[in-house]
Amino acid sequence: MATATDMFTSLEDQVLETVKQGQEAIVKAVRTWADASKNLIPDLPPLPFSDQLPATSDIVESAFAFCDKILTSQREFASAILDAAKPVLGATDKAVKNGAAKATPAKTTAAA
């Protein structure tokens, strides 16, 4: 019998696979659009100060690096909250485990 953790992991895997499939479809569509329309865009003169602007890929990379820092900070925060609440959570975890160990199917009684 699968545990709750196994079921969550399976669901997470399914969600990630669905996301990847969607991303692949979008990348393919954008590539097709870009290939089809590359000759439709005229040559444009350079923008003033364009040599001082970062490349688009650098902006994206910087944004994801910032998101990594935020996610790390949130993980540390969640860990600190769990640690601070350990006295209460420990009792709750123990009660849940004890309840699961003692759980027995309900007995049915015959009606007279």
PDB file of N, CA and C in Angstrom:
ATOM      1  N   MET A   1       0.839  -1.171   0.000  1.00  0.00           N
ATOM      2  CA  MET A   1       0.000   0.000   0.000  1.00  0.00           C
ATOM      3  C   MET A   1       0.896   1.250   0.000  1.00  0.00           C
ATOM      4  N   ALA A   2       0.570   2.184  -0.859  1.00  0.00           N
ATOM      5  CA  ALA A   2       1.368   3.395  -0.988  1.00  0.00           C
ATOM      6  C   ALA A   2       1.147   4.308   0.217  1.00  0.00           C
ATOM      7  N   THR A   3       2.228   4.929   0.647  1.00  0.00           N
ATOM      8  CA  THR A   3       2.128   5.879   1.750  1.00  0.00           C
ATOM      9  C   THR A   3       1.684   7.236   1.192  1.00  0.00           C
ATOM     10  N   ALA A   4       1.320   8.128   2.091  1.00  0.00           N
ATOM     11  CA  ALA A   4       0.934   9.480   1.666  1.00  0.00           C
ATOM     12  C   ALA A   4       2.104  10.152   0.948  1.00  0.00           C
ATOM     13  N   THR A   5       3.319   9.939   1.446  1.00  0.00           N
ATOM     14  CA  THR A   5       4.497  10.520   0.807  1.00  0.00           C
ATOM     15  C   THR A   5       4.668   9.994  -0.606  1.00  0.00           C
ATOM     16  N   ASP A   6       4.455   8.691  -0.797  1.00  0.00           N
ATOM     17  CA  ASP A   6       4.546   8.102  -2.134  1.00  0.00           C
ATOM     18  C   ASP A   6       3.508   8.715  -3.071  1.00  0.00           C
ATOM     19  N   MET A   7       2.295   8.905  -2.553  1.00  0.00           N
ATOM     20  CA  MET A   7       1.237   9.471  -3.391  1.00  0.00           C
ATOM     21  C   MET A   7       1.558  10.916  -3.771  1.00  0.00           C
ATOM     22  N   PHE A   8       2.082  11.713  -2.821  1.00  0.00           N
ATOM     23  CA  PHE A   8       2.450  13.090  -3.127  1.00  0.00           C
ATOM     24  C   PHE A   8       3.590  13.126  -4.142  1.00  0.00           C
ATOM     25  N   THR A   9       4.576  12.260  -3.969  1.00  0.00           N
ATOM     26  CA  THR A   9       5.702  12.220  -4.903  1.00  0.00           C
ATOM     27  C   THR A   9       5.227  11.854  -6.300  1.00  0.00           C
ATOM     28  N   SER A  10       4.335  10.896  -6.389  1.00  0.00           N
ATOM     29  CA  SER A  10       3.782  10.505  -7.682  1.00  0.00           C
ATOM     30  C   SER A  10       3.023  11.661  -8.330  1.00  0.00           C
ATOM     31  N   LEU A  11       2.225  12.362  -7.542  1.00  0.00           N
ATOM     32  CA  LEU A  11       1.481  13.506  -8.054  1.00  0.00           C
ATOM     33  C   LEU A  11       2.433  14.611  -8.510  1.00  0.00           C
ATOM     34  N   GLU A  12       3.464  14.873  -7.726  1.00  0.00           N
ATOM     35  CA  GLU A  12       4.453  15.880  -8.109  1.00  0.00           C
ATOM     36  C   GLU A  12       5.115  15.518  -9.430  1.00  0.00           C
ATOM     37  N   ASP A  13       5.472  14.243  -9.588  1.00  0.00           N
ATOM     38  CA  ASP A  13       6.094  13.783 -10.832  1.00  0.00           C
ATOM     39  C   ASP A  13       5.156  13.991 -12.017  1.00  0.00           C
ATOM     40  N   GLN A  14       3.888  13.705 -11.825  1.00  0.00           N
ATOM     41  CA  GLN A  14       2.903  13.888 -12.896  1.00  0.00           C
ATOM     42  C   GLN A  14       2.763  15.364 -13.261  1.00  0.00           C
ATOM     43  N   VAL A  15       2.726  16.226 -12.256  1.00  0.00           N
ATOM     44  CA  VAL A  15       2.615  17.657 -12.513  1.00  0.00           C
ATOM     45  C   VAL A  15       3.840  18.152 -13.270  1.00  0.00           C
ATOM     46  N   LEU A  16       5.031  17.743 -12.832  1.00  0.00           N
ATOM     47  CA  LEU A  16       6.257  18.169 -13.517  1.00  0.00           C
ATOM     48  C   LEU A  16       6.286  17.686 -14.964  1.00  0.00           C
ATOM     49  N   GLU A  17       5.851  16.474 -15.191  1.00  0.00           N
ATOM     50  CA  GLU A  17       5.828  15.944 -16.558  1.00  0.00           C
ATOM     51  C   GLU A  17       4.846  16.738 -17.423  1.00  0.00           C
ATOM     52  N   THR A  18       3.701  17.076 -16.874  1.00  0.00           N
ATOM     53  CA  THR A  18       2.716  17.873 -17.616  1.00  0.00           C
ATOM     54  C   THR A  18       3.270  19.261 -17.928  1.00  0.00           C
ATOM     55  N   VAL A  19       3.938  19.865 -16.953  1.00  0.00           N
ATOM     56  CA  VAL A  19       4.543  21.182 -17.162  1.00  0.00           C
ATOM     57  C   VAL A  19       5.601  21.104 -18.271  1.00  0.00           C
ATOM     58  N   LYS A  20       6.450  20.082 -18.224  1.00  0.00           N
ATOM     59  CA  LYS A  20       7.493  19.925 -19.248  1.00  0.00           C
ATOM     60  C   LYS A  20       6.888  19.759 -20.631  1.00  0.00           C
ATOM     61  N   GLN A  21       5.830  18.981 -20.739  1.00  0.00           N
ATOM     62  CA  GLN A  21       5.176  18.792 -22.037  1.00  0.00           C
ATOM     63  C   GLN A  21       4.625  20.114 -22.558  1.00  0.00           C
ATOM     64  N   GLY A  22       4.010  20.888 -21.680  1.00  0.00           N
ATOM     65  CA  GLY A  22       3.498  22.195 -22.079  1.00  0.00           C
ATOM     66  C   GLY A  22       4.613  23.130 -22.510  1.00  0.00           C
ATOM     67  N   GLN A  23       5.704  23.116 -21.774  1.00  0.00           N
ATOM     68  CA  GLN A  23       6.844  23.968 -22.120  1.00  0.00           C
ATOM     69  C   GLN A  23       7.432  23.577 -23.470  1.00  0.00           C
ATOM     70  N   GLU A  24       7.572  22.286 -23.710  1.00  0.00           N
ATOM     71  CA  GLU A  24       8.111  21.826 -24.993  1.00  0.00           C
ATOM     72  C   GLU A  24       7.219  22.264 -26.146  1.00  0.00           C
ATOM     73  N   ALA A  25       5.909  22.193 -25.961  1.00  0.00           N
ATOM     74  CA  ALA A  25       4.979  22.613 -27.017  1.00  0.00           C
ATOM     75  C   ALA A  25       5.113  24.111 -27.289  1.00  0.00           C
ATOM     76  N   ILE A  26       5.262  24.899 -26.229  1.00  0.00           N
ATOM     77  CA  ILE A  26       5.396  26.346 -26.403  1.00  0.00           C
ATOM     78  C   ILE A  26       6.712  26.698 -27.075  1.00  0.00           C
ATOM     79  N   VAL A  27       7.806  26.042 -26.675  1.00  0.00           N
ATOM     80  CA  VAL A  27       9.111  26.295 -27.315  1.00  0.00           C
ATOM     81  C   VAL A  27       9.024  25.962 -28.805  1.00  0.00           C
ATOM     82  N   LYS A  28       8.393  24.860 -29.132  1.00  0.00           N
ATOM     83  CA  LYS A  28       8.250  24.466 -30.536  1.00  0.00           C
ATOM     84  C   LYS A  28       7.434  25.507 -31.303  1.00  0.00           C
ATOM     85  N   ALA A  29       6.350  25.985 -30.715  1.00  0.00           N
ATOM     86  CA  ALA A  29       5.512  26.985 -31.375  1.00  0.00           C
ATOM     87  C   ALA A  29       6.267  28.297 -31.573  1.00  0.00           C
ATOM     88  N   VAL A  30       7.014  28.735 -30.561  1.00  0.00           N
ATOM     89  CA  VAL A  30       7.783  29.978 -30.684  1.00  0.00           C
ATOM     90  C   VAL A  30       8.872  29.829 -31.741  1.00  0.00           C
ATOM     91  N   ARG A  31       9.539  28.666 -31.764  1.00  0.00           N
ATOM     92  CA  ARG A  31      10.573  28.429 -32.772  1.00  0.00           C
ATOM     93  C   ARG A  31       9.969  28.473 -34.184  1.00  0.00           C
ATOM     94  N   THR A  32       8.831  27.849 -34.361  1.00  0.00           N
ATOM     95  CA  THR A  32       8.156  27.845 -35.665  1.00  0.00           C
ATOM     96  C   THR A  32       7.782  29.269 -36.071  1.00  0.00           C
ATOM     97  N   TRP A  33       7.216  30.029 -35.128  1.00  0.00           N
ATOM     98  CA  TRP A  33       6.833  31.416 -35.392  1.00  0.00           C
ATOM     99  C   TRP A  33       8.068  32.260 -35.739  1.00  0.00           C
ATOM    100  N   ALA A  34       9.137  32.108 -34.970  1.00  0.00           N
ATOM    101  CA  ALA A  34      10.347  32.904 -35.201  1.00  0.00           C
ATOM    102  C   ALA A  34      10.969  32.577 -36.551  1.00  0.00           C
ATOM    103  N   ASP A  35      11.020  31.292 -36.898  1.00  0.00           N
ATOM    104  CA  ASP A  35      11.581  30.896 -38.192  1.00  0.00           C
ATOM    105  C   ASP A  35      10.742  31.442 -39.341  1.00  0.00           C
ATOM    106  N   ALA A  36       9.424  31.418 -39.179  1.00  0.00           N
ATOM    107  CA  ALA A  36       8.530  31.873 -40.242  1.00  0.00           C
ATOM    108  C   ALA A  36       8.541  33.393 -40.393  1.00  0.00           C
ATOM    109  N   SER A  37       8.783  34.124 -39.322  1.00  0.00           N
ATOM    110  CA  SER A  37       8.664  35.582 -39.395  1.00  0.00           C
ATOM    111  C   SER A  37       9.999  36.326 -39.377  1.00  0.00           C
ATOM    112  N   LYS A  38      11.116  35.610 -39.367  1.00  0.00           N
ATOM    113  CA  LYS A  38      12.409  36.304 -39.271  1.00  0.00           C
ATOM    114  C   LYS A  38      12.672  37.218 -40.459  1.00  0.00           C
ATOM    115  N   ASN A  39      12.154  36.895 -41.629  1.00  0.00           N
ATOM    116  CA  ASN A  39      12.379  37.727 -42.814  1.00  0.00           C
ATOM    117  C   ASN A  39      11.372  38.867 -42.923  1.00  0.00           C
ATOM    118  N   LEU A  40      10.374  38.898 -42.056  1.00  0.00           N
ATOM    119  CA  LEU A  40       9.355  39.945 -42.102  1.00  0.00           C
ATOM    120  C   LEU A  40       9.752  41.181 -41.302  1.00  0.00           C
ATOM    121  N   ILE A  41      10.740  41.047 -40.442  1.00  0.00           N
ATOM    122  CA  ILE A  41      11.150  42.164 -39.591  1.00  0.00           C
ATOM    123  C   ILE A  41      12.288  42.917 -40.283  1.00  0.00           C
ATOM    124  N   PRO A  42      12.080  44.211 -40.541  1.00  0.00           N
ATOM    125  CA  PRO A  42      13.130  44.978 -41.233  1.00  0.00           C
ATOM    126  C   PRO A  42      14.324  45.218 -40.302  1.00  0.00           C
ATOM    127  N   ASP A  43      15.452  45.523 -40.900  1.00  0.00           N
ATOM    128  CA  ASP A  43      16.625  45.898 -40.107  1.00  0.00           C
ATOM    129  C   ASP A  43      16.330  47.241 -39.445  1.00  0.00           C
ATOM    130  N   LEU A  44      16.524  47.307 -38.167  1.00  0.00           N
ATOM    131  CA  LEU A  44      16.255  48.525 -37.428  1.00  0.00           C
ATOM    132  C   LEU A  44      17.562  49.188 -37.027  1.00  0.00           C
ATOM    133  N   PRO A  45      17.544  50.520 -36.943  1.00  0.00           N
ATOM    134  CA  PRO A  45      18.768  51.194 -36.495  1.00  0.00           C
ATOM    135  C   PRO A  45      18.986  50.886 -35.014  1.00  0.00           C
ATOM    136  N   PRO A  46      20.228  50.938 -34.556  1.00  0.00           N
ATOM    137  CA  PRO A  46      20.491  50.660 -33.139  1.00  0.00           C
ATOM    138  C   PRO A  46      19.841  51.720 -32.249  1.00  0.00           C
ATOM    139  N   LEU A  47      19.410  51.289 -31.101  1.00  0.00           N
ATOM    140  CA  LEU A  47      18.825  52.204 -30.127  1.00  0.00           C
ATOM    141  C   LEU A  47      19.926  52.979 -29.428  1.00  0.00           C
ATOM    142  N   PRO A  48      19.627  54.227 -29.058  1.00  0.00           N
ATOM    143  CA  PRO A  48      20.632  54.975 -28.299  1.00  0.00           C
ATOM    144  C   PRO A  48      20.938  54.253 -26.978  1.00  0.00           C
ATOM    145  N   PHE A  49      22.159  54.205 -26.607  1.00  0.00           N
ATOM    146  CA  PHE A  49      22.624  53.593 -25.367  1.00  0.00           C
ATOM    147  C   PHE A  49      22.415  52.076 -25.332  1.00  0.00           C
ATOM    148  N   SER A  50      22.128  51.458 -26.460  1.00  0.00           N
ATOM    149  CA  SER A  50      21.885  50.017 -26.466  1.00  0.00           C
ATOM    150  C   SER A  50      23.119  49.230 -26.044  1.00  0.00           C
ATOM    151  N   ASP A  51      24.282  49.810 -26.215  1.00  0.00           N
ATOM    152  CA  ASP A  51      25.510  49.133 -25.787  1.00  0.00           C
ATOM    153  C   ASP A  51      25.605  49.062 -24.255  1.00  0.00           C
ATOM    154  N   GLN A  52      24.783  49.826 -23.554  1.00  0.00           N
ATOM    155  CA  GLN A  52      24.804  49.826 -22.098  1.00  0.00           C
ATOM    156  C   GLN A  52      23.736  48.917 -21.491  1.00  0.00           C
ATOM    157  N   LEU A  53      22.885  48.363 -22.332  1.00  0.00           N
ATOM    158  CA  LEU A  53      21.826  47.480 -21.843  1.00  0.00           C
ATOM    159  C   LEU A  53      22.313  46.040 -21.785  1.00  0.00           C
ATOM    160  N   PRO A  54      21.878  45.294 -20.777  1.00  0.00           N
ATOM    161  CA  PRO A  54      22.274  43.879 -20.709  1.00  0.00           C
ATOM    162  C   PRO A  54      21.546  43.067 -21.781  1.00  0.00           C
ATOM    163  N   ALA A  55      22.115  41.951 -22.127  1.00  0.00           N
ATOM    164  CA  ALA A  55      21.475  41.046 -23.078  1.00  0.00           C
ATOM    165  C   ALA A  55      20.224  40.444 -22.427  1.00  0.00           C
ATOM    166  N   THR A  56      19.261  40.117 -23.250  1.00  0.00           N
ATOM    167  CA  THR A  56      18.021  39.530 -22.734  1.00  0.00           C
ATOM    168  C   THR A  56      18.310  38.292 -21.907  1.00  0.00           C
ATOM    169  N   SER A  57      19.210  37.449 -22.376  1.00  0.00           N
ATOM    170  CA  SER A  57      19.533  36.228 -21.632  1.00  0.00           C
ATOM    171  C   SER A  57      20.162  36.550 -20.279  1.00  0.00           C
ATOM    172  N   ASP A  58      20.912  37.647 -20.184  1.00  0.00           N
ATOM    173  CA  ASP A  58      21.500  38.057 -18.899  1.00  0.00           C
ATOM    174  C   ASP A  58      20.417  38.521 -17.922  1.00  0.00           C
ATOM    175  N   ILE A  59      19.403  39.206 -18.432  1.00  0.00           N
ATOM    176  CA  ILE A  59      18.295  39.652 -17.583  1.00  0.00           C
ATOM    177  C   ILE A  59      17.550  38.442 -17.028  1.00  0.00           C
ATOM    178  N   VAL A  60      17.282  37.466 -17.879  1.00  0.00           N
ATOM    179  CA  VAL A  60      16.576  36.260 -17.444  1.00  0.00           C
ATOM    180  C   VAL A  60      17.415  35.509 -16.418  1.00  0.00           C
ATOM    181  N   GLU A  61      18.693  35.364 -16.682  1.00  0.00           N
ATOM    182  CA  GLU A  61      19.582  34.653 -15.761  1.00  0.00           C
ATOM    183  C   GLU A  61      19.631  35.359 -14.405  1.00  0.00           C
ATOM    184  N   SER A  62      19.696  36.680 -14.424  1.00  0.00           N
ATOM    185  CA  SER A  62      19.722  37.458 -13.187  1.00  0.00           C
ATOM    186  C   SER A  62      18.419  37.294 -12.403  1.00  0.00           C
ATOM    187  N   ALA A  63      17.290  37.280 -13.103  1.00  0.00           N
ATOM    188  CA  ALA A  63      15.995  37.115 -12.436  1.00  0.00           C
ATOM    189  C   ALA A  63      15.898  35.747 -11.769  1.00  0.00           C
ATOM    190  N   PHE A  64      16.355  34.709 -12.451  1.00  0.00           N
ATOM    191  CA  PHE A  64      16.303  33.371 -11.856  1.00  0.00           C
ATOM    192  C   PHE A  64      17.299  33.229 -10.701  1.00  0.00           C
ATOM    193  N   ALA A  65      18.438  33.891 -10.780  1.00  0.00           N
ATOM    194  CA  ALA A  65      19.384  33.873  -9.655  1.00  0.00           C
ATOM    195  C   ALA A  65      18.749  34.532  -8.433  1.00  0.00           C
ATOM    196  N   PHE A  66      18.021  35.614  -8.646  1.00  0.00           N
ATOM    197  CA  PHE A  66      17.323  36.277  -7.547  1.00  0.00           C
ATOM    198  C   PHE A  66      16.246  35.356  -6.971  1.00  0.00           C
ATOM    199  N   CYS A  67      15.503  34.691  -7.846  1.00  0.00           N
ATOM    200  CA  CYS A  67      14.472  33.754  -7.382  1.00  0.00           C
ATOM    201  C   CYS A  67      15.084  32.621  -6.562  1.00  0.00           C
ATOM    202  N   ASP A  68      16.259  32.138  -6.966  1.00  0.00           N
ATOM    203  CA  ASP A  68      16.957  31.109  -6.183  1.00  0.00           C
ATOM    204  C   ASP A  68      17.264  31.613  -4.770  1.00  0.00           C
ATOM    205  N   LYS A  69      17.698  32.870  -4.682  1.00  0.00           N
ATOM    206  CA  LYS A  69      18.001  33.451  -3.368  1.00  0.00           C
ATOM    207  C   LYS A  69      16.732  33.559  -2.520  1.00  0.00           C
ATOM    208  N   ILE A  70      15.648  33.990  -3.134  1.00  0.00           N
ATOM    209  CA  ILE A  70      14.375  34.104  -2.416  1.00  0.00           C
ATOM    210  C   ILE A  70      13.920  32.734  -1.937  1.00  0.00           C
ATOM    211  N   LEU A  71      13.989  31.726  -2.813  1.00  0.00           N
ATOM    212  CA  LEU A  71      13.559  30.377  -2.441  1.00  0.00           C
ATOM    213  C   LEU A  71      14.415  29.826  -1.305  1.00  0.00           C
ATOM    214  N   THR A  72      15.721  30.057  -1.350  1.00  0.00           N
ATOM    215  CA  THR A  72      16.611  29.628  -0.263  1.00  0.00           C
ATOM    216  C   THR A  72      16.215  30.313   1.040  1.00  0.00           C
ATOM    217  N   SER A  73      15.927  31.607   0.968  1.00  0.00           N
ATOM    218  CA  SER A  73      15.514  32.348   2.156  1.00  0.00           C
ATOM    219  C   SER A  73      14.199  31.794   2.702  1.00  0.00           C
ATOM    220  N   GLN A  74      13.253  31.485   1.840  1.00  0.00           N
ATOM    221  CA  GLN A  74      11.969  30.943   2.273  1.00  0.00           C
ATOM    222  C   GLN A  74      12.127  29.554   2.896  1.00  0.00           C
ATOM    223  N   ARG A  75      13.020  28.749   2.330  1.00  0.00           N
ATOM    224  CA  ARG A  75      13.278  27.421   2.891  1.00  0.00           C
ATOM    225  C   ARG A  75      13.857  27.536   4.296  1.00  0.00           C
ATOM    226  N   GLU A  76      14.815  28.461   4.468  1.00  0.00           N
ATOM    227  CA  GLU A  76      15.409  28.685   5.786  1.00  0.00           C
ATOM    228  C   GLU A  76      14.362  29.204   6.768  1.00  0.00           C
ATOM    229  N   PHE A  77      13.482  30.082   6.310  1.00  0.00           N
ATOM    230  CA  PHE A  77      12.412  30.620   7.142  1.00  0.00           C
ATOM    231  C   PHE A  77      11.459  29.506   7.581  1.00  0.00           C
ATOM    232  N   ALA A  78      11.034  28.661   6.644  1.00  0.00           N
ATOM    233  CA  ALA A  78      10.126  27.558   6.978  1.00  0.00           C
ATOM    234  C   ALA A  78      10.782  26.610   7.973  1.00  0.00           C
ATOM    235  N   SER A  79      12.052  26.335   7.778  1.00  0.00           N
ATOM    236  CA  SER A  79      12.782  25.468   8.698  1.00  0.00           C
ATOM    237  C   SER A  79      12.843  26.086  10.096  1.00  0.00           C
ATOM    238  N   ALA A  80      13.082  27.392  10.162  1.00  0.00           N
ATOM    239  CA  ALA A  80      13.136  28.076  11.460  1.00  0.00           C
ATOM    240  C   ALA A  80      11.771  28.056  12.143  1.00  0.00           C
ATOM    241  N   ILE A  81      10.710  28.218  11.389  1.00  0.00           N
ATOM    242  CA  ILE A  81       9.352  28.167  11.954  1.00  0.00           C
ATOM    243  C   ILE A  81       9.075  26.772  12.513  1.00  0.00           C
ATOM    244  N   LEU A  82       9.420  25.740  11.743  1.00  0.00           N
ATOM    245  CA  LEU A  82       9.217  24.369  12.226  1.00  0.00           C
ATOM    246  C   LEU A  82      10.030  24.105  13.485  1.00  0.00           C
ATOM    247  N   ASP A  83      11.250  24.620  13.503  1.00  0.00           N
ATOM    248  CA  ASP A  83      12.099  24.438  14.687  1.00  0.00           C
ATOM    249  C   ASP A  83      11.500  25.162  15.896  1.00  0.00           C
ATOM    250  N   ALA A  84      10.995  26.364  15.673  1.00  0.00           N
ATOM    251  CA  ALA A  84      10.395  27.124  16.772  1.00  0.00           C
ATOM    252  C   ALA A  84       9.131  26.445  17.298  1.00  0.00           C
ATOM    253  N   ALA A  85       8.400  25.794  16.428  1.00  0.00           N
ATOM    254  CA  ALA A  85       7.137  25.153  16.815  1.00  0.00           C
ATOM    255  C   ALA A  85       7.328  23.697  17.217  1.00  0.00           C
ATOM    256  N   LYS A  86       8.562  23.248  17.274  1.00  0.00           N
ATOM    257  CA  LYS A  86       8.852  21.838  17.567  1.00  0.00           C
ATOM    258  C   LYS A  86       8.167  21.312  18.832  1.00  0.00           C
ATOM    259  N   PRO A  87       8.107  22.071  19.919  1.00  0.00           N
ATOM    260  CA  PRO A  87       7.437  21.534  21.109  1.00  0.00           C
ATOM    261  C   PRO A  87       5.972  21.146  20.833  1.00  0.00           C
ATOM    262  N   VAL A  88       5.289  21.940  20.059  1.00  0.00           N
ATOM    263  CA  VAL A  88       3.890  21.648  19.740  1.00  0.00           C
ATOM    264  C   VAL A  88       3.793  20.590  18.656  1.00  0.00           C
ATOM    265  N   LEU A  89       4.612  20.739  17.623  1.00  0.00           N
ATOM    266  CA  LEU A  89       4.561  19.788  16.516  1.00  0.00           C
ATOM    267  C   LEU A  89       4.978  18.394  16.948  1.00  0.00           C
ATOM    268  N   GLY A  90       5.936  18.323  17.855  1.00  0.00           N
ATOM    269  CA  GLY A  90       6.365  17.018  18.345  1.00  0.00           C
ATOM    270  C   GLY A  90       5.227  16.281  19.014  1.00  0.00           C
ATOM    271  N   ALA A  91       4.458  16.988  19.837  1.00  0.00           N
ATOM    272  CA  ALA A  91       3.307  16.369  20.501  1.00  0.00           C
ATOM    273  C   ALA A  91       2.251  15.968  19.479  1.00  0.00           C
ATOM    274  N   THR A  92       2.036  16.810  18.488  1.00  0.00           N
ATOM    275  CA  THR A  92       1.051  16.507  17.454  1.00  0.00           C
ATOM    276  C   THR A  92       1.485  15.298  16.636  1.00  0.00           C
ATOM    277  N   ASP A  93       2.745  15.273  16.235  1.00  0.00           N
ATOM    278  CA  ASP A  93       3.261  14.132  15.466  1.00  0.00           C
ATOM    279  C   ASP A  93       3.102  12.837  16.256  1.00  0.00           C
ATOM    280  N   LYS A  94       3.403  12.911  17.558  1.00  0.00           N
ATOM    281  CA  LYS A  94       3.289  11.729  18.407  1.00  0.00           C
ATOM    282  C   LYS A  94       1.836  11.264  18.483  1.00  0.00           C
ATOM    283  N   ALA A  95       0.921  12.205  18.620  1.00  0.00           N
ATOM    284  CA  ALA A  95      -0.503  11.858  18.693  1.00  0.00           C
ATOM    285  C   ALA A  95      -0.974  11.230  17.392  1.00  0.00           C
ATOM    286  N   VAL A  96      -0.517  11.763  16.277  1.00  0.00           N
ATOM    287  CA  VAL A  96      -0.906  11.212  14.977  1.00  0.00           C
ATOM    288  C   VAL A  96      -0.376   9.790  14.833  1.00  0.00           C
ATOM    289  N   LYS A  97       0.893   9.588  15.189  1.00  0.00           N
ATOM    290  CA  LYS A  97       1.477   8.246  15.086  1.00  0.00           C
ATOM    291  C   LYS A  97       0.779   7.273  16.016  1.00  0.00           C
ATOM    292  N   ASN A  98       0.494   7.704  17.239  1.00  0.00           N
ATOM    293  CA  ASN A  98      -0.206   6.831  18.181  1.00  0.00           C
ATOM    294  C   ASN A  98      -1.613   6.516  17.688  1.00  0.00           C
ATOM    295  N   GLY A  99      -2.278   7.490  17.119  1.00  0.00           N
ATOM    296  CA  GLY A  99      -3.625   7.270  16.596  1.00  0.00           C
ATOM    297  C   GLY A  99      -3.620   6.302  15.442  1.00  0.00           C
ATOM    298  N   ALA A 100      -2.611   6.394  14.578  1.00  0.00           N
ATOM    299  CA  ALA A 100      -2.520   5.492  13.436  1.00  0.00           C
ATOM    300  C   ALA A 100      -2.231   4.067  13.899  1.00  0.00           C
ATOM    301  N   ALA A 101      -1.420   3.952  14.942  1.00  0.00           N
ATOM    302  CA  ALA A 101      -1.076   2.621  15.443  1.00  0.00           C
ATOM    303  C   ALA A 101      -2.267   1.970  16.131  1.00  0.00           C
ATOM    304  N   LYS A 102      -3.103   2.781  16.768  1.00  0.00           N
ATOM    305  CA  LYS A 102      -4.240   2.244  17.503  1.00  0.00           C
ATOM    306  C   LYS A 102      -5.498   2.106  16.656  1.00  0.00           C
ATOM    307  N   ALA A 103      -5.473   2.694  15.458  1.00  0.00           N
ATOM    308  CA  ALA A 103      -6.679   2.675  14.628  1.00  0.00           C
ATOM    309  C   ALA A 103      -7.041   1.247  14.251  1.00  0.00           C
ATOM    310  N   THR A 104      -8.278   0.928  14.458  1.00  0.00           N
ATOM    311  CA  THR A 104      -8.800  -0.382  14.084  1.00  0.00           C
ATOM    312  C   THR A 104     -10.097  -0.166  13.359  1.00  0.00           C
ATOM    313  N   PRO A 105     -10.449  -1.077  12.466  1.00  0.00           N
ATOM    314  CA  PRO A 105     -11.704  -0.907  11.755  1.00  0.00           C
ATOM    315  C   PRO A 105     -12.882  -0.875  12.738  1.00  0.00           C
ATOM    316  N   ALA A 106     -13.856  -0.067  12.441  1.00  0.00           N
ATOM    317  CA  ALA A 106     -15.038   0.034  13.307  1.00  0.00           C
ATOM    318  C   ALA A 106     -15.808  -1.269  13.263  1.00  0.00           C
ATOM    319  N   LYS A 107     -16.244  -1.693  14.418  1.00  0.00           N
ATOM    320  CA  LYS A 107     -17.025  -2.924  14.492  1.00  0.00           C
ATOM    321  C   LYS A 107     -18.477  -2.601  14.230  1.00  0.00           C
ATOM    322  N   THR A 108     -19.097  -3.455  13.488  1.00  0.00           N
ATOM    323  CA  THR A 108     -20.529  -3.260  13.237  1.00  0.00           C
ATOM    324  C   THR A 108     -21.300  -4.187  14.148  1.00  0.00           C
ATOM    325  N   THR A 109     -22.390  -3.681  14.605  1.00  0.00           N
ATOM    326  CA  THR A 109     -23.237  -4.515  15.472  1.00  0.00           C
ATOM    327  C   THR A 109     -24.514  -4.838  14.735  1.00  0.00           C
ATOM    328  N   ALA A 110     -25.008  -5.985  14.984  1.00  0.00           N
ATOM    329  CA  ALA A 110     -26.238  -6.399  14.318  1.00  0.00           C
ATOM    330  C   ALA A 110     -27.429  -5.771  15.024  1.00  0.00           C
ATOM    331  N   ALA A 111     -28.346  -5.261  14.235  1.00  0.00           N
ATOM    332  CA  ALA A 111     -29.542  -4.657  14.824  1.00  0.00           C
ATOM    333  C   ALA A 111     -30.452  -5.757  15.312  1.00  0.00           C
ATOM    334  N   ALA A 112     -31.084  -5.600  16.479  1.00  0.00           N
ATOM    335  CA  ALA A 112     -31.940  -6.637  17.065  1.00  0.00           C
ATOM    336  C   ALA A 112     -33.330  -6.574  16.506  1.00  0.00           C
TER     337      ALA A 112
END
